[in-house]
Amino acid sequence: MISFVHSAVVLDSGMTIRIVGRPPQGSRHEVLFGVLPDTREAVVVKLEANSGALARERAALEYLTARRGQVPELKATGLTKASGRRVTCL
């Protein structure tokens, strides 16, 4: 489990999310509430705690986002550094 408090998550692409909250956690991901600094749009960040755990969710969100499905919009996916290791982030 990832166990630290972030003030921001920065993806390899350069996208930055300012973290504003952290709800109760499970064991497969770390979920963070944040905002995009430029637009102040509210977002949810999921950091993968177990390698491969977000792969199916990412594929489903990409599929629905491309077809403008009625689901949360996928803003970005990428890698970030957490607890000294590279993790997948949605």
N, C-alpha and C. Protein backbone atom coordinates (compact mmCIF):
# COMPACT_ATOMS: atom_id res chain seq x y z
N MET A 1 0.84 -1.18 0.00
CA MET A 1 0.00 0.00 0.00
C MET A 1 0.89 1.25 0.00
N ILE A 2 0.47 2.24 -0.70
CA ILE A 2 1.16 3.52 -0.74
C ILE A 2 0.70 4.31 0.48
N SER A 3 1.61 4.79 1.27
CA SER A 3 1.19 5.40 2.54
C SER A 3 1.90 6.72 2.81
N PHE A 4 1.66 7.70 1.99
CA PHE A 4 2.20 9.02 2.26
C PHE A 4 1.20 10.06 1.78
N VAL A 5 1.32 11.25 2.27
CA VAL A 5 0.41 12.33 1.89
C VAL A 5 1.06 13.16 0.80
N HIS A 6 0.35 13.37 -0.27
CA HIS A 6 0.84 14.14 -1.41
C HIS A 6 0.28 15.56 -1.32
N SER A 7 1.03 16.53 -1.79
CA SER A 7 0.46 17.85 -2.00
C SER A 7 0.13 18.02 -3.48
N ALA A 8 0.82 17.20 -4.31
CA ALA A 8 0.55 17.20 -5.74
C ALA A 8 1.03 15.88 -6.32
N VAL A 9 0.41 15.48 -7.42
CA VAL A 9 0.86 14.33 -8.21
C VAL A 9 1.27 14.90 -9.56
N VAL A 10 2.46 14.56 -10.00
CA VAL A 10 2.97 15.02 -11.29
C VAL A 10 3.23 13.80 -12.15
N LEU A 11 2.52 13.71 -13.28
CA LEU A 11 2.72 12.61 -14.22
C LEU A 11 3.97 12.86 -15.06
N ASP A 12 4.49 11.81 -15.66
CA ASP A 12 5.65 11.95 -16.54
C ASP A 12 5.38 12.93 -17.68
N SER A 13 4.12 13.05 -18.08
CA SER A 13 3.75 13.96 -19.17
C SER A 13 3.85 15.43 -18.75
N GLY A 14 3.98 15.67 -17.43
CA GLY A 14 4.02 17.03 -16.91
C GLY A 14 2.71 17.49 -16.30
N MET A 15 1.62 16.75 -16.54
CA MET A 15 0.34 17.11 -15.96
C MET A 15 0.47 17.07 -14.44
N THR A 16 -0.01 18.12 -13.79
CA THR A 16 0.05 18.23 -12.33
C THR A 16 -1.36 18.30 -11.76
N ILE A 17 -1.59 17.57 -10.69
CA ILE A 17 -2.87 17.58 -9.98
C ILE A 17 -2.58 18.00 -8.54
N ARG A 18 -3.20 19.07 -8.10
CA ARG A 18 -3.04 19.51 -6.70
C ARG A 18 -4.00 18.68 -5.85
N ILE A 19 -3.49 18.03 -4.84
CA ILE A 19 -4.28 17.13 -3.99
C ILE A 19 -4.97 17.93 -2.89
N VAL A 20 -6.28 17.67 -2.73
CA VAL A 20 -7.06 18.40 -1.72
C VAL A 20 -7.71 17.48 -0.70
N GLY A 21 -7.64 16.17 -0.89
CA GLY A 21 -8.24 15.26 0.08
C GLY A 21 -7.86 13.82 -0.17
N ARG A 22 -8.10 13.00 0.84
CA ARG A 22 -7.77 11.58 0.77
C ARG A 22 -8.85 10.81 1.52
N PRO A 23 -9.75 10.10 0.79
CA PRO A 23 -10.81 9.35 1.45
C PRO A 23 -10.27 8.07 2.08
N PRO A 24 -11.10 7.33 2.83
CA PRO A 24 -10.67 6.02 3.34
C PRO A 24 -10.15 5.15 2.19
N GLN A 25 -9.12 4.36 2.47
CA GLN A 25 -8.43 3.62 1.42
C GLN A 25 -8.68 2.13 1.46
N GLY A 26 -8.56 1.51 0.29
CA GLY A 26 -8.56 0.06 0.17
C GLY A 26 -7.12 -0.41 0.05
N SER A 27 -6.93 -1.61 -0.47
CA SER A 27 -5.57 -2.16 -0.54
C SER A 27 -5.03 -2.24 -1.96
N ARG A 28 -5.86 -2.06 -2.99
CA ARG A 28 -5.39 -2.21 -4.37
C ARG A 28 -4.94 -0.91 -5.01
N HIS A 29 -5.42 0.23 -4.51
CA HIS A 29 -5.08 1.53 -5.08
C HIS A 29 -5.05 2.55 -3.95
N GLU A 30 -4.43 3.68 -4.23
CA GLU A 30 -4.60 4.84 -3.37
C GLU A 30 -5.45 5.82 -4.16
N VAL A 31 -6.53 6.31 -3.55
CA VAL A 31 -7.43 7.25 -4.19
C VAL A 31 -7.23 8.62 -3.54
N LEU A 32 -7.08 9.63 -4.38
CA LEU A 32 -6.87 10.99 -3.91
C LEU A 32 -7.84 11.92 -4.62
N PHE A 33 -8.33 12.95 -3.92
CA PHE A 33 -9.15 13.98 -4.53
C PHE A 33 -8.25 15.15 -4.86
N GLY A 34 -8.44 15.73 -6.04
CA GLY A 34 -7.59 16.83 -6.43
C GLY A 34 -8.27 17.80 -7.36
N VAL A 35 -7.51 18.79 -7.78
CA VAL A 35 -7.97 19.76 -8.77
C VAL A 35 -6.85 20.01 -9.77
N LEU A 36 -7.25 20.31 -11.00
CA LEU A 36 -6.28 20.71 -12.01
C LEU A 36 -5.97 22.18 -11.78
N PRO A 37 -4.71 22.54 -11.58
CA PRO A 37 -4.36 23.92 -11.22
C PRO A 37 -4.84 24.97 -12.23
N ASP A 38 -4.77 24.68 -13.52
CA ASP A 38 -5.12 25.68 -14.54
C ASP A 38 -6.62 25.95 -14.61
N THR A 39 -7.44 24.89 -14.45
CA THR A 39 -8.89 25.04 -14.64
C THR A 39 -9.69 24.93 -13.35
N ARG A 40 -9.05 24.48 -12.29
CA ARG A 40 -9.71 24.23 -10.99
C ARG A 40 -10.79 23.14 -11.08
N GLU A 41 -10.70 22.33 -12.12
CA GLU A 41 -11.63 21.22 -12.30
C GLU A 41 -11.33 20.13 -11.28
N ALA A 42 -12.37 19.63 -10.62
CA ALA A 42 -12.21 18.55 -9.65
C ALA A 42 -11.90 17.24 -10.36
N VAL A 43 -10.95 16.48 -9.82
CA VAL A 43 -10.57 15.18 -10.38
C VAL A 43 -10.33 14.19 -9.25
N VAL A 44 -10.34 12.92 -9.62
CA VAL A 44 -9.97 11.84 -8.71
C VAL A 44 -8.73 11.17 -9.30
N VAL A 45 -7.74 10.93 -8.48
CA VAL A 45 -6.50 10.28 -8.90
C VAL A 45 -6.45 8.90 -8.26
N LYS A 46 -6.14 7.89 -9.05
CA LYS A 46 -5.93 6.54 -8.52
C LYS A 46 -4.50 6.15 -8.78
N LEU A 47 -3.78 5.80 -7.74
CA LEU A 47 -2.40 5.32 -7.85
C LEU A 47 -2.41 3.82 -7.62
N GLU A 48 -1.79 3.10 -8.52
CA GLU A 48 -1.78 1.64 -8.47
C GLU A 48 -0.85 1.14 -7.37
N ALA A 49 -1.40 0.37 -6.43
CA ALA A 49 -0.58 -0.21 -5.36
C ALA A 49 -0.04 -1.58 -5.77
N ASN A 50 -0.79 -2.32 -6.59
CA ASN A 50 -0.36 -3.64 -7.07
C ASN A 50 -0.19 -3.56 -8.59
N SER A 51 0.96 -3.93 -9.08
CA SER A 51 1.26 -3.84 -10.50
C SER A 51 0.18 -4.52 -11.34
N GLY A 52 -0.35 -3.80 -12.32
CA GLY A 52 -1.36 -4.34 -13.23
C GLY A 52 -2.79 -4.17 -12.75
N ALA A 53 -3.00 -3.70 -11.53
CA ALA A 53 -4.34 -3.63 -10.95
C ALA A 53 -5.26 -2.63 -11.67
N LEU A 54 -4.70 -1.63 -12.33
CA LEU A 54 -5.53 -0.62 -13.00
C LEU A 54 -5.69 -0.86 -14.50
N ALA A 55 -5.10 -1.90 -15.05
CA ALA A 55 -5.09 -2.11 -16.50
C ALA A 55 -6.50 -2.23 -17.09
N ARG A 56 -7.35 -3.05 -16.50
CA ARG A 56 -8.71 -3.22 -17.04
C ARG A 56 -9.54 -1.95 -16.87
N GLU A 57 -9.41 -1.30 -15.73
CA GLU A 57 -10.14 -0.06 -15.50
C GLU A 57 -9.71 1.01 -16.51
N ARG A 58 -8.42 1.10 -16.75
CA ARG A 58 -7.91 2.07 -17.73
C ARG A 58 -8.49 1.79 -19.11
N ALA A 59 -8.47 0.53 -19.54
CA ALA A 59 -8.99 0.16 -20.87
C ALA A 59 -10.49 0.49 -20.97
N ALA A 60 -11.25 0.20 -19.94
CA ALA A 60 -12.68 0.49 -19.95
C ALA A 60 -12.95 1.99 -20.03
N LEU A 61 -12.22 2.77 -19.24
CA LEU A 61 -12.42 4.22 -19.25
C LEU A 61 -11.99 4.84 -20.58
N GLU A 62 -10.90 4.36 -21.16
CA GLU A 62 -10.46 4.86 -22.46
C GLU A 62 -11.50 4.56 -23.53
N TYR A 63 -12.06 3.35 -23.51
CA TYR A 63 -13.09 2.95 -24.47
C TYR A 63 -14.31 3.85 -24.36
N LEU A 64 -14.81 4.04 -23.14
CA LEU A 64 -16.02 4.85 -22.95
C LEU A 64 -15.76 6.33 -23.20
N THR A 65 -14.59 6.83 -22.82
CA THR A 65 -14.26 8.24 -23.05
C THR A 65 -14.21 8.53 -24.55
N ALA A 66 -13.62 7.62 -25.33
CA ALA A 66 -13.52 7.80 -26.78
C ALA A 66 -14.90 7.83 -27.44
N ARG A 67 -15.87 7.17 -26.82
CA ARG A 67 -17.22 7.10 -27.37
C ARG A 67 -18.20 8.03 -26.65
N ARG A 68 -17.64 8.90 -25.81
CA ARG A 68 -18.43 9.86 -25.04
C ARG A 68 -19.53 9.17 -24.23
N GLY A 69 -19.17 8.06 -23.62
CA GLY A 69 -20.11 7.32 -22.76
C GLY A 69 -20.42 8.09 -21.49
N GLN A 70 -21.48 7.73 -20.82
CA GLN A 70 -21.92 8.40 -19.60
C GLN A 70 -21.18 7.85 -18.38
N VAL A 71 -19.91 8.17 -18.31
CA VAL A 71 -19.06 7.75 -17.19
C VAL A 71 -18.11 8.90 -16.87
N PRO A 72 -17.39 8.79 -15.78
CA PRO A 72 -16.38 9.81 -15.52
C PRO A 72 -15.42 9.89 -16.71
N GLU A 73 -15.02 11.09 -17.07
CA GLU A 73 -14.11 11.29 -18.18
C GLU A 73 -12.68 11.00 -17.76
N LEU A 74 -11.98 10.24 -18.55
CA LEU A 74 -10.57 9.95 -18.30
C LEU A 74 -9.75 11.12 -18.81
N LYS A 75 -9.11 11.85 -17.89
CA LYS A 75 -8.31 13.02 -18.25
C LYS A 75 -6.91 12.63 -18.69
N ALA A 76 -6.30 11.67 -17.99
CA ALA A 76 -4.93 11.30 -18.31
C ALA A 76 -4.58 9.98 -17.63
N THR A 77 -3.64 9.29 -18.20
CA THR A 77 -3.02 8.13 -17.57
C THR A 77 -1.52 8.32 -17.69
N GLY A 78 -0.79 7.72 -16.81
CA GLY A 78 0.65 7.85 -16.90
C GLY A 78 1.34 7.25 -15.71
N LEU A 79 2.60 7.55 -15.59
CA LEU A 79 3.40 7.06 -14.49
C LEU A 79 3.79 8.23 -13.60
N THR A 80 3.93 7.95 -12.32
CA THR A 80 4.43 8.92 -11.36
C THR A 80 5.27 8.18 -10.35
N LYS A 81 5.96 8.89 -9.52
CA LYS A 81 6.79 8.27 -8.50
C LYS A 81 6.07 8.37 -7.16
N ALA A 82 5.96 7.25 -6.45
CA ALA A 82 5.30 7.21 -5.15
C ALA A 82 6.06 6.26 -4.25
N SER A 83 6.38 6.68 -3.06
CA SER A 83 7.13 5.86 -2.11
C SER A 83 8.40 5.29 -2.73
N GLY A 84 9.06 6.09 -3.57
CA GLY A 84 10.32 5.67 -4.15
C GLY A 84 10.22 4.70 -5.31
N ARG A 85 9.01 4.46 -5.82
CA ARG A 85 8.89 3.55 -6.96
C ARG A 85 7.94 4.14 -7.98
N ARG A 86 8.05 3.65 -9.23
CA ARG A 86 7.19 4.11 -10.34
C ARG A 86 5.86 3.40 -10.22
N VAL A 87 4.75 4.14 -10.31
CA VAL A 87 3.42 3.55 -10.24
C VAL A 87 2.56 4.10 -11.36
N THR A 88 1.60 3.29 -11.80
CA THR A 88 0.62 3.71 -12.79
C THR A 88 -0.40 4.60 -12.11
N CYS A 89 -0.86 5.60 -12.85
CA CYS A 89 -1.81 6.57 -12.30
C CYS A 89 -2.90 6.81 -13.33
N LEU A 90 -4.16 6.82 -12.87
CA LEU A 90 -5.31 7.22 -13.73
C LEU A 90 -5.80 8.55 -13.21
